Amino acid sequence: AESNEAVQITLHERDESFVIAEIPVSGSG
């Protein structure tokens, strides 16, 4: 993921998906 985006943990329930956790990306290494 690029800066100002996030690593996302997504839960999948039936036909829907929900982001349940985000680790922010603050810049480039």
mmCIF file of all heavy atoms, coordinates in Angstrom:
data_MODEL
# 
_entry.id   MODEL 
# 
loop_
_atom_site.group_PDB 
_atom_site.id 
_atom_site.type_symbol 
_atom_site.label_atom_id 
_atom_site.label_alt_id 
_atom_site.label_comp_id 
_atom_site.label_asym_id 
_atom_site.label_entity_id 
_atom_site.label_seq_id 
_atom_site.pdbx_PDB_ins_code 
_atom_site.Cartn_x 
_atom_site.Cartn_y 
_atom_site.Cartn_z 
_atom_site.occupancy 
_atom_site.B_iso_or_equiv 
_atom_site.pdbx_formal_charge 
_atom_site.auth_seq_id 
_atom_site.auth_comp_id 
_atom_site.auth_asym_id 
_atom_site.auth_atom_id 
_atom_site.pdbx_PDB_model_num 
ATOM 1   N N   . ALA A 1 1  ? 0.836   -1.195  0.000  1.00 0.00 ? 1  ALA A N   1 
ATOM 2   C CA  . ALA A 1 1  ? 0.000   0.000   0.000  1.00 0.00 ? 1  ALA A CA  1 
ATOM 3   C C   . ALA A 1 1  ? 0.873   1.248   0.000  1.00 0.00 ? 1  ALA A C   1 
ATOM 4   O O   . ALA A 1 1  ? 1.965   1.277   0.576  1.00 0.00 ? 1  ALA A O   1 
ATOM 5   C CB  . ALA A 1 1  ? -0.912  0.000   1.224  1.00 0.00 ? 1  ALA A CB  1 
ATOM 6   N N   . GLU A 1 2  ? 0.393   2.295   -0.666 1.00 0.00 ? 2  GLU A N   1 
ATOM 7   C CA  . GLU A 1 2  ? 1.128   3.546   -0.766 1.00 0.00 ? 2  GLU A CA  1 
ATOM 8   C C   . GLU A 1 2  ? 0.870   4.433   0.448  1.00 0.00 ? 2  GLU A C   1 
ATOM 9   O O   . GLU A 1 2  ? -0.020  4.167   1.262  1.00 0.00 ? 2  GLU A O   1 
ATOM 10  C CB  . GLU A 1 2  ? 0.721   4.282   -2.050 1.00 0.00 ? 2  GLU A CB  1 
ATOM 11  C CG  . GLU A 1 2  ? 0.982   3.502   -3.328 1.00 0.00 ? 2  GLU A CG  1 
ATOM 12  C CD  . GLU A 1 2  ? 2.468   3.294   -3.603 1.00 0.00 ? 2  GLU A CD  1 
ATOM 13  O OE1 . GLU A 1 2  ? 3.275   4.115   -3.120 1.00 0.00 ? 2  GLU A OE1 1 
ATOM 14  O OE2 . GLU A 1 2  ? 2.819   2.323   -4.293 1.00 0.00 ? 2  GLU A OE2 1 
ATOM 15  N N   . SER A 1 3  ? 1.659   5.502   0.541  1.00 0.00 ? 3  SER A N   1 
ATOM 16  C CA  . SER A 1 3  ? 1.494   6.464   1.627  1.00 0.00 ? 3  SER A CA  1 
ATOM 17  C C   . SER A 1 3  ? 0.067   6.996   1.650  1.00 0.00 ? 3  SER A C   1 
ATOM 18  O O   . SER A 1 3  ? -0.554  7.231   0.607  1.00 0.00 ? 3  SER A O   1 
ATOM 19  C CB  . SER A 1 3  ? 2.485   7.613   1.446  1.00 0.00 ? 3  SER A CB  1 
ATOM 20  O OG  . SER A 1 3  ? 2.349   8.565   2.489  1.00 0.00 ? 3  SER A OG  1 
ATOM 21  N N   . ASN A 1 4  ? -0.478  7.163   2.866  1.00 0.00 ? 4  ASN A N   1 
ATOM 22  C CA  . ASN A 1 4  ? -1.855  7.622   3.117  1.00 0.00 ? 4  ASN A CA  1 
ATOM 23  C C   . ASN A 1 4  ? -2.898  6.552   2.788  1.00 0.00 ? 4  ASN A C   1 
ATOM 24  O O   . ASN A 1 4  ? -4.097  6.838   2.816  1.00 0.00 ? 4  ASN A O   1 
ATOM 25  C CB  . ASN A 1 4  ? -2.171  8.918   2.366  1.00 0.00 ? 4  ASN A CB  1 
ATOM 26  C CG  . ASN A 1 4  ? -1.300  10.065  2.823  1.00 0.00 ? 4  ASN A CG  1 
ATOM 27  O OD1 . ASN A 1 4  ? -1.029  10.208  4.018  1.00 0.00 ? 4  ASN A OD1 1 
ATOM 28  N ND2 . ASN A 1 4  ? -0.831  10.881  1.884  1.00 0.00 ? 4  ASN A ND2 1 
ATOM 29  N N   . GLU A 1 5  ? -2.456  5.358   2.461  1.00 0.00 ? 5  GLU A N   1 
ATOM 30  C CA  . GLU A 1 5  ? -3.365  4.225   2.358  1.00 0.00 ? 5  GLU A CA  1 
ATOM 31  C C   . GLU A 1 5  ? -3.208  3.377   3.625  1.00 0.00 ? 5  GLU A C   1 
ATOM 32  O O   . GLU A 1 5  ? -2.764  3.885   4.654  1.00 0.00 ? 5  GLU A O   1 
ATOM 33  C CB  . GLU A 1 5  ? -3.068  3.418   1.090  1.00 0.00 ? 5  GLU A CB  1 
ATOM 34  C CG  . GLU A 1 5  ? -3.300  4.203   -0.188 1.00 0.00 ? 5  GLU A CG  1 
ATOM 35  C CD  . GLU A 1 5  ? -2.975  3.404   -1.442 1.00 0.00 ? 5  GLU A CD  1 
ATOM 36  O OE1 . GLU A 1 5  ? -2.310  2.348   -1.336 1.00 0.00 ? 5  GLU A OE1 1 
ATOM 37  O OE2 . GLU A 1 5  ? -3.377  3.852   -2.533 1.00 0.00 ? 5  GLU A OE2 1 
ATOM 38  N N   . ALA A 1 6  ? -3.575  2.089   3.562  1.00 0.00 ? 6  ALA A N   1 
ATOM 39  C CA  . ALA A 1 6  ? -3.488  1.248   4.759  1.00 0.00 ? 6  ALA A CA  1 
ATOM 40  C C   . ALA A 1 6  ? -3.387  -0.211  4.360  1.00 0.00 ? 6  ALA A C   1 
ATOM 41  O O   . ALA A 1 6  ? -3.865  -0.627  3.304  1.00 0.00 ? 6  ALA A O   1 
ATOM 42  C CB  . ALA A 1 6  ? -4.716  1.454   5.652  1.00 0.00 ? 6  ALA A CB  1 
ATOM 43  N N   . VAL A 1 7  ? -2.742  -0.980  5.225  1.00 0.00 ? 7  VAL A N   1 
ATOM 44  C CA  . VAL A 1 7  ? -2.859  -2.432  5.182  1.00 0.00 ? 7  VAL A CA  1 
ATOM 45  C C   . VAL A 1 7  ? -4.194  -2.762  5.839  1.00 0.00 ? 7  VAL A C   1 
ATOM 46  O O   . VAL A 1 7  ? -4.453  -2.350  6.977  1.00 0.00 ? 7  VAL A O   1 
ATOM 47  C CB  . VAL A 1 7  ? -1.705  -3.117  5.922  1.00 0.00 ? 7  VAL A CB  1 
ATOM 48  C CG1 . VAL A 1 7  ? -1.897  -4.621  5.956  1.00 0.00 ? 7  VAL A CG1 1 
ATOM 49  C CG2 . VAL A 1 7  ? -0.379  -2.751  5.287  1.00 0.00 ? 7  VAL A CG2 1 
ATOM 50  N N   . GLN A 1 8  ? -5.059  -3.477  5.144  1.00 0.00 ? 8  GLN A N   1 
ATOM 51  C CA  . GLN A 1 8  ? -6.417  -3.708  5.619  1.00 0.00 ? 8  GLN A CA  1 
ATOM 52  C C   . GLN A 1 8  ? -6.660  -5.180  5.937  1.00 0.00 ? 8  GLN A C   1 
ATOM 53  O O   . GLN A 1 8  ? -6.267  -6.058  5.170  1.00 0.00 ? 8  GLN A O   1 
ATOM 54  C CB  . GLN A 1 8  ? -7.433  -3.243  4.573  1.00 0.00 ? 8  GLN A CB  1 
ATOM 55  C CG  . GLN A 1 8  ? -7.405  -1.739  4.320  1.00 0.00 ? 8  GLN A CG  1 
ATOM 56  C CD  . GLN A 1 8  ? -8.477  -1.298  3.352  1.00 0.00 ? 8  GLN A CD  1 
ATOM 57  O OE1 . GLN A 1 8  ? -8.829  -2.022  2.431  1.00 0.00 ? 8  GLN A OE1 1 
ATOM 58  N NE2 . GLN A 1 8  ? -9.028  -0.106  3.567  1.00 0.00 ? 8  GLN A NE2 1 
ATOM 59  N N   . ILE A 1 9  ? -7.308  -5.395  7.061  1.00 0.00 ? 9  ILE A N   1 
ATOM 60  C CA  . ILE A 1 9  ? -7.771  -6.725  7.439  1.00 0.00 ? 9  ILE A CA  1 
ATOM 61  C C   . ILE A 1 9  ? -9.277  -6.740  7.189  1.00 0.00 ? 9  ILE A C   1 
ATOM 62  O O   . ILE A 1 9  ? -10.021 -5.949  7.778  1.00 0.00 ? 9  ILE A O   1 
ATOM 63  C CB  . ILE A 1 9  ? -7.467  -7.036  8.916  1.00 0.00 ? 9  ILE A CB  1 
ATOM 64  C CG1 . ILE A 1 9  ? -5.989  -6.752  9.241  1.00 0.00 ? 9  ILE A CG1 1 
ATOM 65  C CG2 . ILE A 1 9  ? -7.845  -8.468  9.243  1.00 0.00 ? 9  ILE A CG2 1 
ATOM 66  C CD1 . ILE A 1 9  ? -5.007  -7.539  8.418  1.00 0.00 ? 9  ILE A CD1 1 
ATOM 67  N N   . THR A 1 10 ? -9.715  -7.629  6.300  1.00 0.00 ? 10 THR A N   1 
ATOM 68  C CA  . THR A 1 10 ? -11.105 -7.638  5.846  1.00 0.00 ? 10 THR A CA  1 
ATOM 69  C C   . THR A 1 10 ? -11.787 -8.928  6.262  1.00 0.00 ? 10 THR A C   1 
ATOM 70  O O   . THR A 1 10 ? -11.251 -10.025 6.075  1.00 0.00 ? 10 THR A O   1 
ATOM 71  C CB  . THR A 1 10 ? -11.171 -7.495  4.314  1.00 0.00 ? 10 THR A CB  1 
ATOM 72  O OG1 . THR A 1 10 ? -10.563 -6.252  3.937  1.00 0.00 ? 10 THR A OG1 1 
ATOM 73  C CG2 . THR A 1 10 ? -12.611 -7.503  3.822  1.00 0.00 ? 10 THR A CG2 1 
ATOM 74  N N   . LEU A 1 11 ? -12.963 -8.786  6.843  1.00 0.00 ? 11 LEU A N   1 
ATOM 75  C CA  . LEU A 1 11 ? -13.796 -9.920  7.226  1.00 0.00 ? 11 LEU A CA  1 
ATOM 76  C C   . LEU A 1 11 ? -14.806 -10.182 6.122  1.00 0.00 ? 11 LEU A C   1 
ATOM 77  O O   . LEU A 1 11 ? -15.463 -9.258  5.632  1.00 0.00 ? 11 LEU A O   1 
ATOM 78  C CB  . LEU A 1 11 ? -14.531 -9.618  8.535  1.00 0.00 ? 11 LEU A CB  1 
ATOM 79  C CG  . LEU A 1 11 ? -15.511 -10.692 9.023  1.00 0.00 ? 11 LEU A CG  1 
ATOM 80  C CD1 . LEU A 1 11 ? -14.750 -11.873 9.591  1.00 0.00 ? 11 LEU A CD1 1 
ATOM 81  C CD2 . LEU A 1 11 ? -16.463 -10.119 10.066 1.00 0.00 ? 11 LEU A CD2 1 
ATOM 82  N N   . HIS A 1 12 ? -14.937 -11.435 5.735  1.00 0.00 ? 12 HIS A N   1 
ATOM 83  C CA  . HIS A 1 12 ? -15.884 -11.822 4.694  1.00 0.00 ? 12 HIS A CA  1 
ATOM 84  C C   . HIS A 1 12 ? -17.028 -12.599 5.344  1.00 0.00 ? 12 HIS A C   1 
ATOM 85  O O   . HIS A 1 12 ? -16.811 -13.645 5.954  1.00 0.00 ? 12 HIS A O   1 
ATOM 86  C CB  . HIS A 1 12 ? -15.187 -12.671 3.632  1.00 0.00 ? 12 HIS A CB  1 
ATOM 87  C CG  . HIS A 1 12 ? -13.993 -11.990 3.030  1.00 0.00 ? 12 HIS A CG  1 
ATOM 88  N ND1 . HIS A 1 12 ? -14.090 -11.073 2.005  1.00 0.00 ? 12 HIS A ND1 1 
ATOM 89  C CD2 . HIS A 1 12 ? -12.670 -12.064 3.335  1.00 0.00 ? 12 HIS A CD2 1 
ATOM 90  C CE1 . HIS A 1 12 ? -12.896 -10.631 1.677  1.00 0.00 ? 12 HIS A CE1 1 
ATOM 91  N NE2 . HIS A 1 12 ? -12.010 -11.208 2.486  1.00 0.00 ? 12 HIS A NE2 1 
ATOM 92  N N   . GLU A 1 13 ? -18.231 -12.069 5.216  1.00 0.00 ? 13 GLU A N   1 
ATOM 93  C CA  . GLU A 1 13 ? -19.430 -12.675 5.806  1.00 0.00 ? 13 GLU A CA  1 
ATOM 94  C C   . GLU A 1 13 ? -20.469 -12.831 4.710  1.00 0.00 ? 13 GLU A C   1 
ATOM 95  O O   . GLU A 1 13 ? -20.952 -11.833 4.154  1.00 0.00 ? 13 GLU A O   1 
ATOM 96  C CB  . GLU A 1 13 ? -19.983 -11.783 6.925  1.00 0.00 ? 13 GLU A CB  1 
ATOM 97  C CG  . GLU A 1 13 ? -19.155 -11.807 8.200  1.00 0.00 ? 13 GLU A CG  1 
ATOM 98  C CD  . GLU A 1 13 ? -19.638 -12.865 9.163  1.00 0.00 ? 13 GLU A CD  1 
ATOM 99  O OE1 . GLU A 1 13 ? -20.766 -13.363 9.004  1.00 0.00 ? 13 GLU A OE1 1 
ATOM 100 O OE2 . GLU A 1 13 ? -18.878 -13.206 10.085 1.00 0.00 ? 13 GLU A OE2 1 
ATOM 101 N N   . ARG A 1 14 ? -20.784 -14.065 4.374  1.00 0.00 ? 14 ARG A N   1 
ATOM 102 C CA  . ARG A 1 14 ? -21.743 -14.353 3.306  1.00 0.00 ? 14 ARG A CA  1 
ATOM 103 C C   . ARG A 1 14 ? -21.302 -13.632 2.034  1.00 0.00 ? 14 ARG A C   1 
ATOM 104 O O   . ARG A 1 14 ? -20.226 -13.897 1.520  1.00 0.00 ? 14 ARG A O   1 
ATOM 105 C CB  . ARG A 1 14 ? -23.155 -13.984 3.750  1.00 0.00 ? 14 ARG A CB  1 
ATOM 106 C CG  . ARG A 1 14 ? -23.639 -14.792 4.961  1.00 0.00 ? 14 ARG A CG  1 
ATOM 107 C CD  . ARG A 1 14 ? -25.068 -14.454 5.332  1.00 0.00 ? 14 ARG A CD  1 
ATOM 108 N NE  . ARG A 1 14 ? -25.518 -15.261 6.458  1.00 0.00 ? 14 ARG A NE  1 
ATOM 109 C CZ  . ARG A 1 14 ? -25.373 -14.912 7.730  1.00 0.00 ? 14 ARG A CZ  1 
ATOM 110 N NH1 . ARG A 1 14 ? -24.783 -13.762 8.046  1.00 0.00 ? 14 ARG A NH1 1 
ATOM 111 N NH2 . ARG A 1 14 ? -25.787 -15.710 8.701  1.00 0.00 ? 14 ARG A NH2 1 
ATOM 112 N N   . ASP A 1 15 ? -22.123 -12.698 1.535  1.00 0.00 ? 15 ASP A N   1 
ATOM 113 C CA  . ASP A 1 15 ? -21.769 -12.007 0.298  1.00 0.00 ? 15 ASP A CA  1 
ATOM 114 C C   . ASP A 1 15 ? -21.218 -10.614 0.543  1.00 0.00 ? 15 ASP A C   1 
ATOM 115 O O   . ASP A 1 15 ? -21.096 -9.808  -0.387 1.00 0.00 ? 15 ASP A O   1 
ATOM 116 C CB  . ASP A 1 15 ? -23.004 -11.916 -0.627 1.00 0.00 ? 15 ASP A CB  1 
ATOM 117 C CG  . ASP A 1 15 ? -23.489 -13.282 -1.078 1.00 0.00 ? 15 ASP A CG  1 
ATOM 118 O OD1 . ASP A 1 15 ? -22.635 -14.181 -1.232 1.00 0.00 ? 15 ASP A OD1 1 
ATOM 119 O OD2 . ASP A 1 15 ? -24.704 -13.449 -1.259 1.00 0.00 ? 15 ASP A OD2 1 
ATOM 120 N N   . GLU A 1 16 ? -20.888 -10.294 1.780  1.00 0.00 ? 16 GLU A N   1 
ATOM 121 C CA  . GLU A 1 16 ? -20.392 -8.959  2.110  1.00 0.00 ? 16 GLU A CA  1 
ATOM 122 C C   . GLU A 1 16 ? -18.988 -9.040  2.669  1.00 0.00 ? 16 GLU A C   1 
ATOM 123 O O   . GLU A 1 16 ? -18.544 -10.073 3.173  1.00 0.00 ? 16 GLU A O   1 
ATOM 124 C CB  . GLU A 1 16 ? -21.316 -8.281  3.116  1.00 0.00 ? 16 GLU A CB  1 
ATOM 125 C CG  . GLU A 1 16 ? -22.697 -7.958  2.581  1.00 0.00 ? 16 GLU A CG  1 
ATOM 126 C CD  . GLU A 1 16 ? -23.463 -7.055  3.535  1.00 0.00 ? 16 GLU A CD  1 
ATOM 127 O OE1 . GLU A 1 16 ? -24.083 -7.604  4.467  1.00 0.00 ? 16 GLU A OE1 1 
ATOM 128 O OE2 . GLU A 1 16 ? -23.424 -5.826  3.357  1.00 0.00 ? 16 GLU A OE2 1 
ATOM 129 N N   . SER A 1 17 ? -18.285 -7.907  2.596  1.00 0.00 ? 17 SER A N   1 
ATOM 130 C CA  . SER A 1 17 ? -16.936 -7.802  3.150  1.00 0.00 ? 17 SER A CA  1 
ATOM 131 C C   . SER A 1 17 ? -16.850 -6.515  3.958  1.00 0.00 ? 17 SER A C   1 
ATOM 132 O O   . SER A 1 17 ? -17.390 -5.479  3.551  1.00 0.00 ? 17 SER A O   1 
ATOM 133 C CB  . SER A 1 17 ? -15.883 -7.796  2.038  1.00 0.00 ? 17 SER A CB  1 
ATOM 134 O OG  . SER A 1 17 ? -15.921 -9.006  1.314  1.00 0.00 ? 17 SER A OG  1 
ATOM 135 N N   . PHE A 1 18 ? -16.170 -6.594  5.109  1.00 0.00 ? 18 PHE A N   1 
ATOM 136 C CA  . PHE A 1 18 ? -16.038 -5.452  5.995  1.00 0.00 ? 18 PHE A CA  1 
ATOM 137 C C   . PHE A 1 18 ? -14.576 -5.288  6.394  1.00 0.00 ? 18 PHE A C   1 
ATOM 138 O O   . PHE A 1 18 ? -13.928 -6.263  6.794  1.00 0.00 ? 18 PHE A O   1 
ATOM 139 C CB  . PHE A 1 18 ? -16.874 -5.646  7.267  1.00 0.00 ? 18 PHE A CB  1 
ATOM 140 C CG  . PHE A 1 18 ? -18.333 -5.927  7.013  1.00 0.00 ? 18 PHE A CG  1 
ATOM 141 C CD1 . PHE A 1 18 ? -18.805 -7.230  6.962  1.00 0.00 ? 18 PHE A CD1 1 
ATOM 142 C CD2 . PHE A 1 18 ? -19.223 -4.888  6.832  1.00 0.00 ? 18 PHE A CD2 1 
ATOM 143 C CE1 . PHE A 1 18 ? -20.138 -7.499  6.744  1.00 0.00 ? 18 PHE A CE1 1 
ATOM 144 C CE2 . PHE A 1 18 ? -20.564 -5.140  6.601  1.00 0.00 ? 18 PHE A CE2 1 
ATOM 145 C CZ  . PHE A 1 18 ? -21.033 -6.450  6.558  1.00 0.00 ? 18 PHE A CZ  1 
ATOM 146 N N   . VAL A 1 19 ? -14.081 -4.064  6.318  1.00 0.00 ? 19 VAL A N   1 
ATOM 147 C CA  . VAL A 1 19 ? -12.747 -3.787  6.832  1.00 0.00 ? 19 VAL A CA  1 
ATOM 148 C C   . VAL A 1 19 ? -12.855 -3.698  8.351  1.00 0.00 ? 19 VAL A C   1 
ATOM 149 O O   . VAL A 1 19 ? -13.571 -2.850  8.885  1.00 0.00 ? 19 VAL A O   1 
ATOM 150 C CB  . VAL A 1 19 ? -12.190 -2.471  6.256  1.00 0.00 ? 19 VAL A CB  1 
ATOM 151 C CG1 . VAL A 1 19 ? -10.844 -2.129  6.905  1.00 0.00 ? 19 VAL A CG1 1 
ATOM 152 C CG2 . VAL A 1 19 ? -12.043 -2.573  4.746  1.00 0.00 ? 19 VAL A CG2 1 
ATOM 153 N N   . ILE A 1 20 ? -12.162 -4.584  9.061  1.00 0.00 ? 20 ILE A N   1 
ATOM 154 C CA  . ILE A 1 20 ? -12.270 -4.600  10.520 1.00 0.00 ? 20 ILE A CA  1 
ATOM 155 C C   . ILE A 1 20 ? -11.000 -4.108  11.204 1.00 0.00 ? 20 ILE A C   1 
ATOM 156 O O   . ILE A 1 20 ? -10.996 -3.942  12.422 1.00 0.00 ? 20 ILE A O   1 
ATOM 157 C CB  . ILE A 1 20 ? -12.639 -6.003  11.042 1.00 0.00 ? 20 ILE A CB  1 
ATOM 158 C CG1 . ILE A 1 20 ? -11.615 -7.056  10.625 1.00 0.00 ? 20 ILE A CG1 1 
ATOM 159 C CG2 . ILE A 1 20 ? -14.031 -6.394  10.568 1.00 0.00 ? 20 ILE A CG2 1 
ATOM 160 C CD1 . ILE A 1 20 ? -11.823 -8.402  11.300 1.00 0.00 ? 20 ILE A CD1 1 
ATOM 161 N N   . ALA A 1 21 ? -9.935  -3.891  10.460 1.00 0.00 ? 21 ALA A N   1 
ATOM 162 C CA  . ALA A 1 21 ? -8.719  -3.326  11.049 1.00 0.00 ? 21 ALA A CA  1 
ATOM 163 C C   . ALA A 1 21 ? -7.894  -2.693  9.945  1.00 0.00 ? 21 ALA A C   1 
ATOM 164 O O   . ALA A 1 21 ? -7.859  -3.199  8.815  1.00 0.00 ? 21 ALA A O   1 
ATOM 165 C CB  . ALA A 1 21 ? -7.904  -4.396  11.778 1.00 0.00 ? 21 ALA A CB  1 
ATOM 166 N N   . GLU A 1 22 ? -7.242  -1.582  10.273 1.00 0.00 ? 22 GLU A N   1 
ATOM 167 C CA  . GLU A 1 22 ? -6.376  -0.906  9.322  1.00 0.00 ? 22 GLU A CA  1 
ATOM 168 C C   . GLU A 1 22 ? -5.064  -0.526  9.997  1.00 0.00 ? 22 GLU A C   1 
ATOM 169 O O   . GLU A 1 22 ? -5.061  -0.035  11.123 1.00 0.00 ? 22 GLU A O   1 
ATOM 170 C CB  . GLU A 1 22 ? -7.048  0.348   8.772  1.00 0.00 ? 22 GLU A CB  1 
ATOM 171 C CG  . GLU A 1 22 ? -8.209  0.056   7.837  1.00 0.00 ? 22 GLU A CG  1 
ATOM 172 C CD  . GLU A 1 22 ? -8.751  1.322   7.186  1.00 0.00 ? 22 GLU A CD  1 
ATOM 173 O OE1 . GLU A 1 22 ? -8.783  2.371   7.878  1.00 0.00 ? 22 GLU A OE1 1 
ATOM 174 O OE2 . GLU A 1 22 ? -9.121  1.276   6.006  1.00 0.00 ? 22 GLU A OE2 1 
ATOM 175 N N   . ILE A 1 23 ? -3.975  -0.765  9.298  1.00 0.00 ? 23 ILE A N   1 
ATOM 176 C CA  . ILE A 1 23 ? -2.656  -0.332  9.743  1.00 0.00 ? 23 ILE A CA  1 
ATOM 177 C C   . ILE A 1 23 ? -2.234  0.778   8.791  1.00 0.00 ? 23 ILE A C   1 
ATOM 178 O O   . ILE A 1 23 ? -1.948  0.527   7.616  1.00 0.00 ? 23 ILE A O   1 
ATOM 179 C CB  . ILE A 1 23 ? -1.650  -1.497  9.700  1.00 0.00 ? 23 ILE A CB  1 
ATOM 180 C CG1 . ILE A 1 23 ? -2.172  -2.689  10.513 1.00 0.00 ? 23 ILE A CG1 1 
ATOM 181 C CG2 . ILE A 1 23 ? -0.285  -1.047  10.208 1.00 0.00 ? 23 ILE A CG2 1 
ATOM 182 C CD1 . ILE A 1 23 ? -1.390  -3.976  10.307 1.00 0.00 ? 23 ILE A CD1 1 
ATOM 183 N N   . PRO A 1 24 ? -2.221  2.044   9.250  1.00 0.00 ? 24 PRO A N   1 
ATOM 184 C CA  . PRO A 1 24 ? -1.966  3.168   8.343  1.00 0.00 ? 24 PRO A CA  1 
ATOM 185 C C   . PRO A 1 24 ? -0.562  3.124   7.750  1.00 0.00 ? 24 PRO A C   1 
ATOM 186 O O   . PRO A 1 24 ? 0.401   2.741   8.426  1.00 0.00 ? 24 PRO A O   1 
ATOM 187 C CB  . PRO A 1 24 ? -2.137  4.398   9.233  1.00 0.00 ? 24 PRO A CB  1 
ATOM 188 C CG  . PRO A 1 24 ? -2.899  3.924   10.427 1.00 0.00 ? 24 PRO A CG  1 
ATOM 189 C CD  . PRO A 1 24 ? -2.507  2.494   10.628 1.00 0.00 ? 24 PRO A CD  1 
ATOM 190 N N   . VAL A 1 25 ? -0.453  3.511   6.485  1.00 0.00 ? 25 VAL A N   1 
ATOM 191 C CA  . VAL A 1 25 ? 0.836   3.653   5.808  1.00 0.00 ? 25 VAL A CA  1 
ATOM 192 C C   . VAL A 1 25 ? 1.144   5.143   5.730  1.00 0.00 ? 25 VAL A C   1 
ATOM 193 O O   . VAL A 1 25 ? 0.397   5.907   5.121  1.00 0.00 ? 25 VAL A O   1 
ATOM 194 C CB  . VAL A 1 25 ? 0.799   3.029   4.396  1.00 0.00 ? 25 VAL A CB  1 
ATOM 195 C CG1 . VAL A 1 25 ? 2.136   3.218   3.694  1.00 0.00 ? 25 VAL A CG1 1 
ATOM 196 C CG2 . VAL A 1 25 ? 0.442   1.546   4.493  1.00 0.00 ? 25 VAL A CG2 1 
ATOM 197 N N   . SER A 1 26 ? 2.226   5.560   6.366  1.00 0.00 ? 26 SER A N   1 
ATOM 198 C CA  . SER A 1 26 ? 2.503   6.993   6.520  1.00 0.00 ? 26 SER A CA  1 
ATOM 199 C C   . SER A 1 26 ? 3.589   7.504   5.586  1.00 0.00 ? 26 SER A C   1 
ATOM 200 O O   . SER A 1 26 ? 3.881   8.702   5.581  1.00 0.00 ? 26 SER A O   1 
ATOM 201 C CB  . SER A 1 26 ? 2.911   7.284   7.974  1.00 0.00 ? 26 SER A CB  1 
ATOM 202 O OG  . SER A 1 26 ? 4.054   6.530   8.334  1.00 0.00 ? 26 SER A OG  1 
ATOM 203 N N   . GLY A 1 27 ? 4.200   6.637   4.806  1.00 0.00 ? 27 GLY A N   1 
ATOM 204 C CA  . GLY A 1 27 ? 5.264   7.075   3.908  1.00 0.00 ? 27 GLY A CA  1 
ATOM 205 C C   . GLY A 1 27 ? 5.888   5.881   3.224  1.00 0.00 ? 27 GLY A C   1 
ATOM 206 O O   . GLY A 1 27 ? 5.369   4.763   3.296  1.00 0.00 ? 27 GLY A O   1 
ATOM 207 N N   . SER A 1 28 ? 6.993   6.105   2.564  1.00 0.00 ? 28 SER A N   1 
ATOM 208 C CA  . SER A 1 28 ? 7.671   5.047   1.820  1.00 0.00 ? 28 SER A CA  1 
ATOM 209 C C   . SER A 1 28 ? 8.999   4.705   2.473  1.00 0.00 ? 28 SER A C   1 
ATOM 210 O O   . SER A 1 28 ? 9.763   5.595   2.843  1.00 0.00 ? 28 SER A O   1 
ATOM 211 C CB  . SER A 1 28 ? 7.910   5.467   0.368  1.00 0.00 ? 28 SER A CB  1 
ATOM 212 O OG  . SER A 1 28 ? 6.682   5.637   -0.297 1.00 0.00 ? 28 SER A OG  1 
ATOM 213 N N   . GLY A 1 29 ? 9.258   3.417   2.596  1.00 0.00 ? 29 GLY A N   1 
ATOM 214 C CA  . GLY A 1 29 ? 10.551  2.956   3.067  1.00 0.00 ? 29 GLY A CA  1 
ATOM 215 C C   . GLY A 1 29 ? 11.470  2.675   1.896  1.00 0.00 ? 29 GLY A C   1 
ATOM 216 O O   . GLY A 1 29 ? 11.205  3.082   0.755  1.00 0.00 ? 29 GLY A O   1 
# 
